[in-house]
N, C-alpha and C. Protein backbone atom coordinates (compact mmCIF):
# COMPACT_ATOMS: atom_id res chain seq x y z
N MET A 1 23.97 -58.11 -112.71
CA MET A 1 23.05 -57.02 -112.53
C MET A 1 23.40 -55.99 -111.27
N ASN A 2 23.85 -56.39 -110.34
CA ASN A 2 24.09 -56.03 -109.21
C ASN A 2 24.81 -54.95 -109.55
N THR A 3 26.20 -55.09 -110.74
CA THR A 3 27.25 -54.49 -110.82
C THR A 3 27.29 -53.59 -112.18
N ARG A 4 26.28 -54.13 -112.69
CA ARG A 4 25.72 -52.95 -113.88
C ARG A 4 25.15 -51.65 -113.11
N ARG A 5 24.42 -51.71 -111.72
CA ARG A 5 23.71 -50.23 -111.47
C ARG A 5 24.85 -49.71 -110.81
N LYS A 6 25.80 -50.69 -110.35
CA LYS A 6 27.08 -50.14 -109.47
C LYS A 6 27.56 -49.23 -110.45
N ILE A 7 28.18 -49.21 -111.81
CA ILE A 7 28.78 -48.68 -112.58
C ILE A 7 28.08 -47.93 -112.71
N SER A 8 26.98 -47.95 -113.76
CA SER A 8 25.99 -46.56 -113.81
C SER A 8 25.95 -45.38 -112.95
N ALA A 9 26.03 -45.42 -111.56
CA ALA A 9 25.95 -45.02 -110.76
C ALA A 9 27.33 -44.09 -110.55
N ASP A 10 28.30 -44.29 -111.14
CA ASP A 10 29.52 -43.77 -110.99
C ASP A 10 29.24 -42.63 -112.07
N PRO A 11 29.99 -41.08 -111.00
CA PRO A 11 29.83 -40.09 -111.95
C PRO A 11 30.80 -39.76 -113.29
N LEU A 12 31.76 -40.79 -113.34
CA LEU A 12 32.69 -41.04 -114.12
C LEU A 12 32.20 -41.73 -115.13
N PHE A 13 31.23 -42.73 -115.38
CA PHE A 13 30.99 -43.42 -116.21
C PHE A 13 30.45 -42.89 -117.31
N PRO A 14 29.90 -41.89 -117.77
CA PRO A 14 29.61 -41.28 -118.66
C PRO A 14 30.82 -41.03 -119.81
N ILE A 15 31.92 -40.18 -119.19
CA ILE A 15 33.36 -39.61 -119.05
C ILE A 15 33.95 -40.80 -120.00
N MET A 16 33.82 -42.13 -119.07
CA MET A 16 34.32 -43.00 -119.61
C MET A 16 33.78 -43.64 -120.93
N GLN A 17 32.61 -43.98 -121.17
CA GLN A 17 31.52 -44.45 -122.25
C GLN A 17 31.87 -43.45 -123.35
N GLU A 18 32.37 -41.36 -123.30
CA GLU A 18 32.80 -41.01 -124.40
C GLU A 18 33.75 -41.63 -124.80
N LYS A 19 34.74 -41.94 -123.90
CA LYS A 19 36.40 -42.31 -124.29
C LYS A 19 36.54 -43.92 -124.80
N GLY A 20 35.20 -44.46 -124.64
CA GLY A 20 35.35 -45.84 -124.92
C GLY A 20 36.26 -46.67 -124.10
N LEU A 21 36.15 -46.57 -122.82
CA LEU A 21 36.69 -47.15 -122.07
C LEU A 21 35.62 -48.04 -120.65
N ASP A 22 36.04 -49.42 -120.81
CA ASP A 22 35.27 -50.04 -119.80
C ASP A 22 35.68 -50.20 -118.46
N THR A 23 36.51 -50.02 -118.20
CA THR A 23 37.79 -50.04 -116.38
C THR A 23 38.07 -48.81 -116.85
N CYS A 24 38.43 -48.25 -115.56
CA CYS A 24 38.96 -46.85 -115.20
C CYS A 24 40.79 -47.49 -115.27
N PRO A 25 41.65 -46.41 -116.23
CA PRO A 25 43.04 -46.67 -116.13
C PRO A 25 44.09 -46.87 -114.72
N GLU A 26 44.33 -47.72 -114.74
CA GLU A 26 45.67 -47.88 -113.25
C GLU A 26 46.06 -46.23 -112.92
N GLY A 27 45.96 -46.30 -111.47
CA GLY A 27 46.55 -45.21 -110.90
C GLY A 27 45.58 -43.78 -111.08
N LEU A 28 44.55 -43.73 -111.87
CA LEU A 28 43.51 -42.77 -111.98
C LEU A 28 42.90 -42.50 -110.73
N SER A 29 42.33 -43.71 -109.59
CA SER A 29 42.38 -42.93 -108.12
C SER A 29 43.14 -42.05 -107.50
N ALA A 30 44.36 -42.67 -108.06
CA ALA A 30 45.72 -42.23 -107.12
C ALA A 30 45.88 -40.86 -107.50
N ARG A 31 45.33 -40.52 -108.70
CA ARG A 31 45.88 -39.22 -109.60
C ARG A 31 44.82 -38.22 -108.82
N LEU A 32 43.52 -38.53 -109.00
CA LEU A 32 42.19 -37.71 -108.81
C LEU A 32 42.55 -37.75 -107.29
N THR A 33 42.63 -38.56 -106.25
CA THR A 33 42.87 -38.07 -104.78
C THR A 33 43.90 -36.72 -104.64
N GLU A 34 44.93 -36.53 -105.43
CA GLU A 34 46.39 -36.09 -105.32
C GLU A 34 45.80 -34.75 -105.71
N MET A 35 45.23 -34.69 -106.45
CA MET A 35 44.39 -33.52 -107.72
C MET A 35 43.63 -32.80 -106.60
N THR A 36 43.03 -33.73 -105.59
CA THR A 36 42.07 -33.03 -104.74
C THR A 36 42.34 -32.39 -104.03
N VAL A 37 43.67 -32.90 -103.14
CA VAL A 37 44.09 -32.82 -101.79
C VAL A 37 45.14 -31.37 -102.42
N ARG A 38 45.61 -31.29 -103.57
CA ARG A 38 46.51 -30.46 -103.98
C ARG A 38 45.49 -29.15 -103.54
N SER A 39 44.38 -28.90 -104.71
CA SER A 39 43.64 -27.83 -104.36
C SER A 39 43.23 -27.66 -103.25
N TYR A 40 42.76 -28.39 -102.29
CA TYR A 40 42.46 -28.00 -101.28
C TYR A 40 42.99 -27.26 -100.24
N LYS A 41 44.56 -27.51 -100.98
CA LYS A 41 45.64 -27.02 -99.72
C LYS A 41 45.81 -25.76 -100.27
N ARG A 42 45.82 -25.86 -101.19
CA ARG A 42 46.02 -24.04 -102.31
C ARG A 42 44.85 -23.30 -101.77
N ASN A 43 43.88 -23.74 -101.90
CA ASN A 43 42.45 -22.80 -101.62
C ASN A 43 42.57 -22.34 -100.11
N TYR A 44 43.01 -23.70 -99.33
CA TYR A 44 43.19 -23.01 -97.89
C TYR A 44 44.36 -22.07 -97.27
N SER A 45 45.24 -22.51 -98.02
CA SER A 45 46.41 -21.68 -97.77
C SER A 45 46.21 -20.11 -98.24
N ALA A 46 45.43 -20.27 -99.17
CA ALA A 46 45.13 -18.54 -99.79
C ALA A 46 44.48 -17.96 -99.08
N MET A 47 43.28 -18.90 -98.46
CA MET A 47 42.37 -18.22 -97.32
C MET A 47 42.97 -17.90 -96.15
N TYR A 48 43.90 -18.84 -95.82
CA TYR A 48 44.42 -18.85 -94.54
C TYR A 48 45.32 -17.23 -94.43
N LYS A 49 45.77 -17.29 -95.47
CA LYS A 49 47.01 -16.16 -95.74
C LYS A 49 46.50 -14.89 -95.60
N LYS A 50 45.34 -14.67 -96.00
CA LYS A 50 44.19 -13.74 -95.95
C LYS A 50 43.95 -13.23 -94.43
N GLU A 51 43.99 -14.35 -93.53
CA GLU A 51 43.40 -13.71 -92.16
C GLU A 51 44.36 -13.73 -91.02
N GLU A 52 45.92 -13.99 -91.42
CA GLU A 52 46.91 -14.18 -90.63
C GLU A 52 47.32 -13.39 -89.91
N TRP A 53 47.57 -11.93 -91.37
CA TRP A 53 48.12 -10.92 -90.96
C TRP A 53 47.60 -9.69 -89.71
N PRO A 54 46.35 -9.99 -89.45
CA PRO A 54 45.67 -9.03 -89.00
C PRO A 54 45.88 -9.62 -87.64
N GLY A 55 46.27 -10.60 -87.00
CA GLY A 55 46.76 -11.44 -85.86
C GLY A 55 48.04 -11.36 -85.89
N LYS A 56 48.95 -11.28 -86.82
CA LYS A 56 49.92 -10.83 -86.62
C LYS A 56 50.31 -9.51 -85.94
N ILE A 57 50.25 -9.03 -86.61
CA ILE A 57 49.98 -7.10 -86.54
C ILE A 57 49.52 -7.27 -85.12
N ILE A 58 48.40 -7.38 -84.49
CA ILE A 58 47.62 -7.24 -82.95
C ILE A 58 48.74 -7.94 -82.27
N LEU A 59 49.18 -9.32 -82.33
CA LEU A 59 50.45 -10.03 -81.07
C LEU A 59 51.64 -8.61 -81.43
N ALA A 60 52.29 -8.35 -82.20
CA ALA A 60 53.17 -7.51 -82.52
C ALA A 60 52.85 -6.01 -81.51
N ILE A 61 51.63 -5.65 -81.61
CA ILE A 61 51.43 -3.98 -80.93
C ILE A 61 51.45 -4.39 -79.43
N LEU A 62 51.21 -5.96 -79.21
CA LEU A 62 51.06 -6.44 -77.97
C LEU A 62 51.82 -6.28 -77.30
N LEU A 63 53.23 -7.34 -78.33
CA LEU A 63 54.21 -7.16 -77.41
C LEU A 63 55.03 -6.21 -77.04
N LEU A 64 55.08 -4.96 -77.78
CA LEU A 64 55.87 -4.20 -78.08
C LEU A 64 55.01 -3.05 -76.71
N LEU A 65 53.93 -3.20 -76.57
CA LEU A 65 53.11 -2.31 -75.43
C LEU A 65 53.68 -3.08 -74.20
N ASN A 66 54.05 -4.41 -74.00
CA ASN A 66 53.88 -5.00 -72.84
C ASN A 66 56.00 -4.99 -72.61
N GLY A 67 56.36 -4.58 -73.79
CA GLY A 67 57.77 -4.24 -73.47
C GLY A 67 58.00 -3.01 -72.90
N TRP A 68 57.14 -2.32 -73.27
CA TRP A 68 57.49 -0.50 -72.90
C TRP A 68 56.75 -0.41 -71.74
N MET A 69 55.96 -1.08 -71.08
CA MET A 69 55.18 -1.01 -69.35
C MET A 69 55.85 -1.39 -68.63
N LEU A 70 57.09 -2.76 -69.46
CA LEU A 70 58.07 -3.37 -68.32
C LEU A 70 59.38 -2.58 -68.04
N TYR A 71 59.40 -1.71 -69.14
CA TYR A 71 60.21 -0.51 -69.24
C TYR A 71 60.20 0.54 -68.51
N VAL A 72 58.84 0.93 -68.70
CA VAL A 72 58.48 2.25 -67.66
C VAL A 72 58.35 2.05 -66.59
N LEU A 73 57.93 0.73 -65.87
CA LEU A 73 58.03 0.00 -64.71
C LEU A 73 59.26 0.18 -63.99
N GLY A 74 60.06 -0.17 -65.12
CA GLY A 74 61.73 -0.02 -64.13
C GLY A 74 62.14 -1.46 -64.31
N HIS A 75 61.52 -2.49 -64.46
CA HIS A 75 61.55 -3.67 -64.56
C HIS A 75 62.64 -4.18 -65.70
N LEU A 76 62.83 -3.76 -67.25
CA LEU A 76 63.83 -4.03 -67.70
C LEU A 76 64.52 -2.85 -68.20
N HIS A 77 65.81 -3.33 -68.56
CA HIS A 77 67.18 -2.68 -69.46
C HIS A 77 66.59 -1.90 -70.58
N PRO A 78 66.98 -1.20 -71.24
CA PRO A 78 66.28 -0.73 -72.61
C PRO A 78 67.08 -1.56 -73.29
N VAL A 79 68.44 -1.92 -72.99
CA VAL A 79 68.91 -2.33 -73.82
C VAL A 79 69.02 -3.75 -74.32
N LEU A 80 68.05 -4.36 -73.14
CA LEU A 80 67.59 -5.54 -73.15
C LEU A 80 66.27 -5.62 -74.01
N ILE A 81 65.14 -4.58 -74.05
CA ILE A 81 64.16 -4.53 -75.12
C ILE A 81 64.79 -4.56 -75.83
N ALA A 82 65.59 -3.62 -76.35
CA ALA A 82 66.15 -3.69 -78.03
C ALA A 82 66.38 -4.98 -78.72
N GLY A 83 67.30 -5.27 -78.01
CA GLY A 83 68.22 -7.24 -78.22
C GLY A 83 66.57 -7.90 -78.76
N ILE A 84 65.62 -7.80 -77.79
CA ILE A 84 64.47 -9.04 -77.84
C ILE A 84 63.95 -8.58 -79.22
N VAL A 85 63.51 -6.82 -79.64
CA VAL A 85 63.19 -6.40 -80.64
C VAL A 85 63.74 -6.89 -81.98
N ALA A 86 65.03 -6.53 -81.69
CA ALA A 86 65.64 -7.11 -83.03
C ALA A 86 66.17 -8.76 -83.10
N PHE A 87 65.48 -9.81 -82.14
CA PHE A 87 65.98 -10.81 -82.61
C PHE A 87 64.80 -10.98 -83.18
N ALA A 88 63.55 -10.68 -82.74
CA ALA A 88 62.25 -10.74 -82.91
C ALA A 88 62.39 -10.50 -84.51
N ILE A 89 62.73 -9.26 -84.79
CA ILE A 89 62.80 -8.80 -86.48
C ILE A 89 63.54 -9.77 -86.94
N SER A 90 64.82 -10.04 -86.71
CA SER A 90 65.71 -10.82 -87.79
C SER A 90 65.76 -12.14 -87.81
N THR A 91 65.00 -12.87 -86.79
CA THR A 91 63.93 -14.24 -87.13
C THR A 91 62.68 -14.16 -87.89
N PHE A 92 62.04 -13.03 -87.97
CA PHE A 92 60.60 -13.00 -88.95
C PHE A 92 61.78 -12.75 -90.48
N VAL A 93 62.73 -12.01 -90.58
CA VAL A 93 62.99 -12.17 -91.68
C VAL A 93 63.86 -13.23 -92.54
N LEU A 94 64.40 -13.82 -91.47
CA LEU A 94 64.93 -15.12 -91.98
C LEU A 94 64.24 -16.62 -92.19
N ILE A 95 62.64 -16.05 -91.78
CA ILE A 95 61.69 -17.30 -91.84
C ILE A 95 61.16 -16.60 -93.24
N ARG A 96 60.79 -15.22 -93.38
CA ARG A 96 60.85 -15.13 -94.64
C ARG A 96 61.85 -15.74 -96.13
N LEU A 97 62.55 -15.10 -95.32
CA LEU A 97 63.39 -15.62 -96.71
C LEU A 97 63.63 -16.63 -97.06
N ASN A 98 64.02 -17.84 -95.80
CA ASN A 98 63.82 -19.21 -96.05
C ASN A 98 62.36 -19.93 -97.05
N LYS A 99 61.47 -19.16 -96.77
CA LYS A 99 59.92 -19.58 -97.49
C LYS A 99 59.99 -18.96 -98.70
N SER A 100 60.67 -17.95 -99.31
CA SER A 100 60.71 -17.63 -100.41
C SER A 100 61.93 -18.75 -101.16
N MET A 101 62.64 -18.93 -100.68
CA MET A 101 64.10 -19.72 -101.42
C MET A 101 63.61 -21.40 -101.48
N GLN A 102 62.50 -21.76 -100.51
CA GLN A 102 62.04 -22.94 -100.87
C GLN A 102 60.83 -23.05 -102.09
N SER A 103 60.17 -22.17 -102.44
CA SER A 103 59.20 -22.09 -103.35
C SER A 103 59.65 -21.77 -104.83
């Protein structure tokens, strides 16, 4: 009697009754877990991508202003600033190319 109550409380029980199944097929739990995790990751990554661009833009502006202030104060040579900016841009481009080739 206790097992009957447990089975009827299962939300998948009505679907299983429609299909004429008494027990769950093997691997169903693993597949449902995998699908749930994949759906969560997809939804979370889409939400996160929307929020990360303003932060990147603000960070880039702050870094450029800091480099400019160091140049104005005479602590950095302009060639060094140009090299750092070129390195940052090329690193960003390579990361984007790597991500696009993986997907």
